[in-house]
Amino acid sequence: MIADASQPLANRTEVIRLQQGTITAVGLTGPPSRKHLAVTSGTGIYRDVCREATLVESASTTGRLTLHLPGFSPGG
């Protein structure tokens, strides 16, 4: 593993609350504005979800989170 100590990084946890459960994702803060997150777990119909997500930050308080959940079927 190679670490770049010149850029401060911290862990981030996203909790997405949806009508039929929640999804959690983790990743790093800091540059660049496009971040790849690991979808680590969920509750309700999302309890078996473990995939990935992409977060694109537009400004300090806005952005777009896209969940990539191939094979996920809300019906089971």
PDB file of N, CA and C in Angstrom:
ATOM      1  N   MET A   1       0.844  -1.178   0.000  1.00  0.00           N
ATOM      2  CA  MET A   1       0.000   0.000   0.000  1.00  0.00           C
ATOM      3  C   MET A   1       0.884   1.234   0.000  1.00  0.00           C
ATOM      4  N   ILE A   2       0.522   2.228  -0.806  1.00  0.00           N
ATOM      5  CA  ILE A   2       1.240   3.495  -0.864  1.00  0.00           C
ATOM      6  C   ILE A   2       0.309   4.578  -0.357  1.00  0.00           C
ATOM      7  N   ALA A   3       0.772   5.346   0.600  1.00  0.00           N
ATOM      8  CA  ALA A   3      -0.038   6.428   1.173  1.00  0.00           C
ATOM      9  C   ALA A   3       0.603   7.762   0.827  1.00  0.00           C
ATOM     10  N   ASP A   4      -0.226   8.745   0.526  1.00  0.00           N
ATOM     11  CA  ASP A   4       0.232  10.095   0.241  1.00  0.00           C
ATOM     12  C   ASP A   4      -0.090  10.958   1.458  1.00  0.00           C
ATOM     13  N   ALA A   5       0.915  11.210   2.279  1.00  0.00           N
ATOM     14  CA  ALA A   5       0.704  11.956   3.519  1.00  0.00           C
ATOM     15  C   ALA A   5       0.465  13.439   3.282  1.00  0.00           C
ATOM     16  N   SER A   6       0.637  13.916   2.046  1.00  0.00           N
ATOM     17  CA  SER A   6       0.435  15.338   1.774  1.00  0.00           C
ATOM     18  C   SER A   6      -1.037  15.713   1.683  1.00  0.00           C
ATOM     19  N   GLN A   7      -1.917  14.722   1.521  1.00  0.00           N
ATOM     20  CA  GLN A   7      -3.345  14.989   1.432  1.00  0.00           C
ATOM     21  C   GLN A   7      -4.052  14.388   2.638  1.00  0.00           C
ATOM     22  N   PRO A   8      -4.662  15.247   3.476  1.00  0.00           N
ATOM     23  CA  PRO A   8      -5.376  14.709   4.641  1.00  0.00           C
ATOM     24  C   PRO A   8      -6.623  13.936   4.210  1.00  0.00           C
ATOM     25  N   LEU A   9      -6.778  12.751   4.742  1.00  0.00           N
ATOM     26  CA  LEU A   9      -7.937  11.920   4.446  1.00  0.00           C
ATOM     27  C   LEU A   9      -8.583  11.473   5.744  1.00  0.00           C
ATOM     28  N   ALA A  10      -9.852  11.242   5.683  1.00  0.00           N
ATOM     29  CA  ALA A  10     -10.590  10.717   6.828  1.00  0.00           C
ATOM     30  C   ALA A  10     -11.640   9.758   6.299  1.00  0.00           C
ATOM     31  N   ASN A  11     -12.098   8.890   7.147  1.00  0.00           N
ATOM     32  CA  ASN A  11     -13.141   7.930   6.787  1.00  0.00           C
ATOM     33  C   ASN A  11     -14.499   8.623   6.808  1.00  0.00           C
ATOM     34  N   ARG A  12     -15.351   8.261   5.876  1.00  0.00           N
ATOM     35  CA  ARG A  12     -16.716   8.788   5.874  1.00  0.00           C
ATOM     36  C   ARG A  12     -17.678   7.616   5.827  1.00  0.00           C
ATOM     37  N   THR A  13     -18.797   7.784   6.475  1.00  0.00           N
ATOM     38  CA  THR A  13     -19.862   6.792   6.434  1.00  0.00           C
ATOM     39  C   THR A  13     -21.128   7.477   5.948  1.00  0.00           C
ATOM     40  N   GLU A  14     -21.742   6.906   4.945  1.00  0.00           N
ATOM     41  CA  GLU A  14     -23.009   7.409   4.417  1.00  0.00           C
ATOM     42  C   GLU A  14     -24.109   6.453   4.862  1.00  0.00           C
ATOM     43  N   VAL A  15     -25.208   6.989   5.346  1.00  0.00           N
ATOM     44  CA  VAL A  15     -26.385   6.188   5.676  1.00  0.00           C
ATOM     45  C   VAL A  15     -27.529   6.735   4.836  1.00  0.00           C
ATOM     46  N   ILE A  16     -28.032   5.880   3.950  1.00  0.00           N
ATOM     47  CA  ILE A  16     -29.103   6.276   3.055  1.00  0.00           C
ATOM     48  C   ILE A  16     -30.397   5.673   3.588  1.00  0.00           C
ATOM     49  N   ARG A  17     -31.294   6.518   4.022  1.00  0.00           N
ATOM     50  CA  ARG A  17     -32.565   6.066   4.584  1.00  0.00           C
ATOM     51  C   ARG A  17     -33.609   6.036   3.481  1.00  0.00           C
ATOM     52  N   LEU A  18     -34.139   4.857   3.213  1.00  0.00           N
ATOM     53  CA  LEU A  18     -35.137   4.668   2.170  1.00  0.00           C
ATOM     54  C   LEU A  18     -36.432   4.145   2.785  1.00  0.00           C
ATOM     55  N   GLN A  19     -37.478   4.104   2.010  1.00  0.00           N
ATOM     56  CA  GLN A  19     -38.787   3.719   2.528  1.00  0.00           C
ATOM     57  C   GLN A  19     -38.796   2.306   3.116  1.00  0.00           C
ATOM     58  N   GLN A  20     -38.067   1.367   2.519  1.00  0.00           N
ATOM     59  CA  GLN A  20     -38.119  -0.023   2.975  1.00  0.00           C
ATOM     60  C   GLN A  20     -36.838  -0.480   3.666  1.00  0.00           C
ATOM     61  N   GLY A  21     -36.040   0.464   4.175  1.00  0.00           N
ATOM     62  CA  GLY A  21     -34.831   0.104   4.912  1.00  0.00           C
ATOM     63  C   GLY A  21     -33.739   1.139   4.707  1.00  0.00           C
ATOM     64  N   THR A  22     -32.531   0.813   5.147  1.00  0.00           N
ATOM     65  CA  THR A  22     -31.392   1.707   4.987  1.00  0.00           C
ATOM     66  C   THR A  22     -30.256   0.987   4.269  1.00  0.00           C
ATOM     67  N   ILE A  23     -29.356   1.782   3.693  1.00  0.00           N
ATOM     68  CA  ILE A  23     -28.143   1.278   3.069  1.00  0.00           C
ATOM     69  C   ILE A  23     -26.989   2.075   3.650  1.00  0.00           C
ATOM     70  N   THR A  24     -25.896   1.395   4.020  1.00  0.00           N
ATOM     71  CA  THR A  24     -24.716   2.096   4.509  1.00  0.00           C
ATOM     72  C   THR A  24     -23.565   1.903   3.530  1.00  0.00           C
ATOM     73  N   ALA A  25     -22.753   2.954   3.413  1.00  0.00           N
ATOM     74  CA  ALA A  25     -21.589   2.920   2.529  1.00  0.00           C
ATOM     75  C   ALA A  25     -20.441   3.637   3.224  1.00  0.00           C
ATOM     76  N   VAL A  26     -19.214   3.215   2.945  1.00  0.00           N
ATOM     77  CA  VAL A  26     -18.033   3.846   3.539  1.00  0.00           C
ATOM     78  C   VAL A  26     -17.017   4.178   2.454  1.00  0.00           C
ATOM     79  N   GLY A  27     -16.206   5.193   2.723  1.00  0.00           N
ATOM     80  CA  GLY A  27     -15.154   5.606   1.801  1.00  0.00           C
ATOM     81  C   GLY A  27     -14.289   6.662   2.453  1.00  0.00           C
ATOM     82  N   LEU A  28     -13.509   7.363   1.648  1.00  0.00           N
ATOM     83  CA  LEU A  28     -12.608   8.390   2.149  1.00  0.00           C
ATOM     84  C   LEU A  28     -13.104   9.781   1.789  1.00  0.00           C
ATOM     85  N   THR A  29     -12.782  10.751   2.635  1.00  0.00           N
ATOM     86  CA  THR A  29     -13.045  12.152   2.328  1.00  0.00           C
ATOM     87  C   THR A  29     -11.824  12.708   1.610  1.00  0.00           C
ATOM     88  N   GLY A  30     -11.878  13.944   1.220  1.00  0.00           N
ATOM     89  CA  GLY A  30     -10.738  14.585   0.576  1.00  0.00           C
ATOM     90  C   GLY A  30     -10.873  14.572  -0.930  1.00  0.00           C
ATOM     91  N   PRO A  31      -9.867  15.148  -1.613  1.00  0.00           N
ATOM     92  CA  PRO A  31      -9.920  15.190  -3.065  1.00  0.00           C
ATOM     93  C   PRO A  31      -9.771  13.802  -3.658  1.00  0.00           C
ATOM     94  N   PRO A  32     -10.222  13.587  -4.862  1.00  0.00           N
ATOM     95  CA  PRO A  32     -10.944  14.474  -5.773  1.00  0.00           C
ATOM     96  C   PRO A  32     -12.427  14.533  -5.442  1.00  0.00           C
ATOM     97  N   SER A  33     -13.201  15.266  -6.242  1.00  0.00           N
ATOM     98  CA  SER A  33     -14.628  15.412  -5.958  1.00  0.00           C
ATOM     99  C   SER A  33     -15.409  14.126  -6.259  1.00  0.00           C
ATOM    100  N   ARG A  34     -14.856  13.244  -7.107  1.00  0.00           N
ATOM    101  CA  ARG A  34     -15.503  11.956  -7.418  1.00  0.00           C
ATOM    102  C   ARG A  34     -14.903  10.894  -6.508  1.00  0.00           C
ATOM    103  N   LYS A  35     -15.776  10.238  -5.722  1.00  0.00           N
ATOM    104  CA  LYS A  35     -15.320   9.253  -4.749  1.00  0.00           C
ATOM    105  C   LYS A  35     -16.025   7.921  -4.955  1.00  0.00           C
ATOM    106  N   HIS A  36     -15.290   6.844  -4.760  1.00  0.00           N
ATOM    107  CA  HIS A  36     -15.863   5.510  -4.843  1.00  0.00           C
ATOM    108  C   HIS A  36     -16.056   4.986  -3.429  1.00  0.00           C
ATOM    109  N   LEU A  37     -17.261   4.510  -3.139  1.00  0.00           N
ATOM    110  CA  LEU A  37     -17.613   4.024  -1.806  1.00  0.00           C
ATOM    111  C   LEU A  37     -17.953   2.547  -1.870  1.00  0.00           C
ATOM    112  N   ALA A  38     -17.707   1.854  -0.780  1.00  0.00           N
ATOM    113  CA  ALA A  38     -18.118   0.459  -0.653  1.00  0.00           C
ATOM    114  C   ALA A  38     -19.466   0.422   0.045  1.00  0.00           C
ATOM    115  N   VAL A  39     -20.457  -0.183  -0.574  1.00  0.00           N
ATOM    116  CA  VAL A  39     -21.753  -0.395   0.076  1.00  0.00           C
ATOM    117  C   VAL A  39     -21.566  -1.613   0.970  1.00  0.00           C
ATOM    118  N   THR A  40     -21.660  -1.396   2.278  1.00  0.00           N
ATOM    119  CA  THR A  40     -21.267  -2.427   3.241  1.00  0.00           C
ATOM    120  C   THR A  40     -22.408  -3.236   3.827  1.00  0.00           C
ATOM    121  N   SER A  41     -23.599  -2.672   3.897  1.00  0.00           N
ATOM    122  CA  SER A  41     -24.710  -3.406   4.497  1.00  0.00           C
ATOM    123  C   SER A  41     -26.006  -2.644   4.304  1.00  0.00           C
ATOM    124  N   GLY A  42     -27.052  -3.212   4.843  1.00  0.00           N
ATOM    125  CA  GLY A  42     -28.344  -2.566   4.782  1.00  0.00           C
ATOM    126  C   GLY A  42     -29.303  -3.200   5.762  1.00  0.00           C
ATOM    127  N   THR A  43     -30.489  -2.631   5.816  1.00  0.00           N
ATOM    128  CA  THR A  43     -31.553  -3.185   6.645  1.00  0.00           C
ATOM    129  C   THR A  43     -32.791  -3.346   5.777  1.00  0.00           C
ATOM    130  N   GLY A  44     -33.784  -4.024   6.298  1.00  0.00           N
ATOM    131  CA  GLY A  44     -35.020  -4.229   5.547  1.00  0.00           C
ATOM    132  C   GLY A  44     -34.742  -5.018   4.282  1.00  0.00           C
ATOM    133  N   ILE A  45     -35.308  -4.585   3.155  1.00  0.00           N
ATOM    134  CA  ILE A  45     -35.100  -5.317   1.906  1.00  0.00           C
ATOM    135  C   ILE A  45     -33.671  -5.192   1.396  1.00  0.00           C
ATOM    136  N   TYR A  46     -32.873  -4.309   1.991  1.00  0.00           N
ATOM    137  CA  TYR A  46     -31.482  -4.090   1.574  1.00  0.00           C
ATOM    138  C   TYR A  46     -30.483  -4.843   2.452  1.00  0.00           C
ATOM    139  N   ARG A  47     -30.929  -5.741   3.309  1.00  0.00           N
ATOM    140  CA  ARG A  47     -30.060  -6.396   4.292  1.00  0.00           C
ATOM    141  C   ARG A  47     -28.922  -7.198   3.679  1.00  0.00           C
ATOM    142  N   ASP A  48     -29.059  -7.663   2.450  1.00  0.00           N
ATOM    143  CA  ASP A  48     -27.997  -8.447   1.814  1.00  0.00           C
ATOM    144  C   ASP A  48     -27.220  -7.656   0.757  1.00  0.00           C
ATOM    145  N   VAL A  49     -27.413  -6.345   0.712  1.00  0.00           N
ATOM    146  CA  VAL A  49     -26.759  -5.523  -0.304  1.00  0.00           C
ATOM    147  C   VAL A  49     -25.311  -5.249   0.098  1.00  0.00           C
ATOM    148  N   CYS A  50     -24.382  -5.598  -0.756  1.00  0.00           N
ATOM    149  CA  CYS A  50     -22.959  -5.296  -0.586  1.00  0.00           C
ATOM    150  C   CYS A  50     -22.382  -5.070  -1.972  1.00  0.00           C
ATOM    151  N   ARG A  51     -22.298  -3.860  -2.404  1.00  0.00           N
ATOM    152  CA  ARG A  51     -21.786  -3.538  -3.738  1.00  0.00           C
ATOM    153  C   ARG A  51     -20.940  -2.268  -3.654  1.00  0.00           C
ATOM    154  N   GLU A  52     -21.211  -1.304  -4.522  1.00  0.00           N
ATOM    155  CA  GLU A  52     -20.450  -0.067  -4.491  1.00  0.00           C
ATOM    156  C   GLU A  52     -21.322   1.118  -4.874  1.00  0.00           C
ATOM    157  N   ALA A  53     -20.772   2.312  -4.635  1.00  0.00           N
ATOM    158  CA  ALA A  53     -21.472   3.556  -4.939  1.00  0.00           C
ATOM    159  C   ALA A  53     -20.454   4.575  -5.418  1.00  0.00           C
ATOM    160  N   THR A  54     -20.944   5.596  -6.112  1.00  0.00           N
ATOM    161  CA  THR A  54     -20.112   6.701  -6.554  1.00  0.00           C
ATOM    162  C   THR A  54     -20.720   7.989  -6.027  1.00  0.00           C
ATOM    163  N   LEU A  55     -19.897   8.791  -5.370  1.00  0.00           N
ATOM    164  CA  LEU A  55     -20.323  10.093  -4.862  1.00  0.00           C
ATOM    165  C   LEU A  55     -19.572  11.157  -5.635  1.00  0.00           C
ATOM    166  N   VAL A  56     -20.309  12.093  -6.247  1.00  0.00           N
ATOM    167  CA  VAL A  56     -19.694  13.222  -6.933  1.00  0.00           C
ATOM    168  C   VAL A  56     -20.137  14.474  -6.205  1.00  0.00           C
ATOM    169  N   GLU A  57     -19.184  15.139  -5.568  1.00  0.00           N
ATOM    170  CA  GLU A  57     -19.489  16.351  -4.805  1.00  0.00           C
ATOM    171  C   GLU A  57     -19.450  17.559  -5.726  1.00  0.00           C
ATOM    172  N   SER A  58     -20.497  18.387  -5.642  1.00  0.00           N
ATOM    173  CA  SER A  58     -20.582  19.598  -6.457  1.00  0.00           C
ATOM    174  C   SER A  58     -20.069  20.811  -5.709  1.00  0.00           C
ATOM    175  N   ALA A  59     -20.326  20.865  -4.442  1.00  0.00           N
ATOM    176  CA  ALA A  59     -19.883  21.950  -3.573  1.00  0.00           C
ATOM    177  C   ALA A  59     -19.749  21.363  -2.176  1.00  0.00           C
ATOM    178  N   SER A  60     -19.453  22.169  -1.200  1.00  0.00           N
ATOM    179  CA  SER A  60     -19.204  21.642   0.142  1.00  0.00           C
ATOM    180  C   SER A  60     -20.409  20.951   0.766  1.00  0.00           C
ATOM    181  N   THR A  61     -21.617  21.282   0.313  1.00  0.00           N
ATOM    182  CA  THR A  61     -22.799  20.675   0.932  1.00  0.00           C
ATOM    183  C   THR A  61     -23.725  19.978  -0.064  1.00  0.00           C
ATOM    184  N   THR A  62     -23.311  19.857  -1.324  1.00  0.00           N
ATOM    185  CA  THR A  62     -24.170  19.205  -2.304  1.00  0.00           C
ATOM    186  C   THR A  62     -23.390  18.147  -3.081  1.00  0.00           C
ATOM    187  N   GLY A  63     -24.130  17.244  -3.692  1.00  0.00           N
ATOM    188  CA  GLY A  63     -23.491  16.212  -4.503  1.00  0.00           C
ATOM    189  C   GLY A  63     -24.525  15.217  -4.992  1.00  0.00           C
ATOM    190  N   ARG A  64     -24.038  14.199  -5.716  1.00  0.00           N
ATOM    191  CA  ARG A  64     -24.919  13.159  -6.240  1.00  0.00           C
ATOM    192  C   ARG A  64     -24.328  11.804  -5.876  1.00  0.00           C
ATOM    193  N   LEU A  65     -25.145  10.973  -5.234  1.00  0.00           N
ATOM    194  CA  LEU A  65     -24.752   9.627  -4.850  1.00  0.00           C
ATOM    195  C   LEU A  65     -25.457   8.639  -5.765  1.00  0.00           C
ATOM    196  N   THR A  66     -24.695   7.791  -6.450  1.00  0.00           N
ATOM    197  CA  THR A  66     -25.253   6.769  -7.329  1.00  0.00           C
ATOM    198  C   THR A  66     -24.904   5.405  -6.761  1.00  0.00           C
ATOM    199  N   LEU A  67     -25.916   4.601  -6.477  1.00  0.00           N
ATOM    200  CA  LEU A  67     -25.702   3.241  -5.967  1.00  0.00           C
ATOM    201  C   LEU A  67     -25.616   2.290  -7.148  1.00  0.00           C
ATOM    202  N   HIS A  68     -24.601   1.428  -7.157  1.00  0.00           N
ATOM    203  CA  HIS A  68     -24.433   0.416  -8.182  1.00  0.00           C
ATOM    204  C   HIS A  68     -24.755  -0.925  -7.545  1.00  0.00           C
ATOM    205  N   LEU A  69     -25.952  -1.442  -7.808  1.00  0.00           N
ATOM    206  CA  LEU A  69     -26.425  -2.656  -7.154  1.00  0.00           C
ATOM    207  C   LEU A  69     -26.856  -3.701  -8.185  1.00  0.00           C
ATOM    208  N   PRO A  70     -25.923  -4.177  -9.026  1.00  0.00           N
ATOM    209  CA  PRO A  70     -26.305  -5.169 -10.026  1.00  0.00           C
ATOM    210  C   PRO A  70     -26.820  -6.447  -9.352  1.00  0.00           C
ATOM    211  N   GLY A  71     -27.863  -6.987  -9.925  1.00  0.00           N
ATOM    212  CA  GLY A  71     -28.440  -8.216  -9.381  1.00  0.00           C
ATOM    213  C   GLY A  71     -29.388  -8.016  -8.217  1.00  0.00           C
ATOM    214  N   PHE A  72     -29.488  -6.784  -7.689  1.00  0.00           N
ATOM    215  CA  PHE A  72     -30.410  -6.538  -6.575  1.00  0.00           C
ATOM    216  C   PHE A  72     -31.828  -6.532  -7.094  1.00  0.00           C
ATOM    217  N   SER A  73     -32.686  -7.264  -6.402  1.00  0.00           N
ATOM    218  CA  SER A  73     -34.100  -7.291  -6.741  1.00  0.00           C
ATOM    219  C   SER A  73     -34.906  -7.031  -5.477  1.00  0.00           C
ATOM    220  N   PRO A  74     -35.675  -5.943  -5.407  1.00  0.00           N
ATOM    221  CA  PRO A  74     -36.431  -5.660  -4.201  1.00  0.00           C
ATOM    222  C   PRO A  74     -37.440  -6.742  -3.834  1.00  0.00           C
ATOM    223  N   GLY A  75     -37.787  -7.575  -4.777  1.00  0.00           N
ATOM    224  CA  GLY A  75     -38.755  -8.641  -4.509  1.00  0.00           C
ATOM    225  C   GLY A  75     -38.150  -9.897  -3.901  1.00  0.00           C
ATOM    226  N   GLY A  76     -36.816  -9.929  -3.709  1.00  0.00           N
ATOM    227  CA  GLY A  76     -36.240 -11.114  -3.081  1.00  0.00           C
ATOM    228  C   GLY A  76     -35.033 -11.595  -3.673  1.00  0.00           C
TER     229      GLY A  76
END
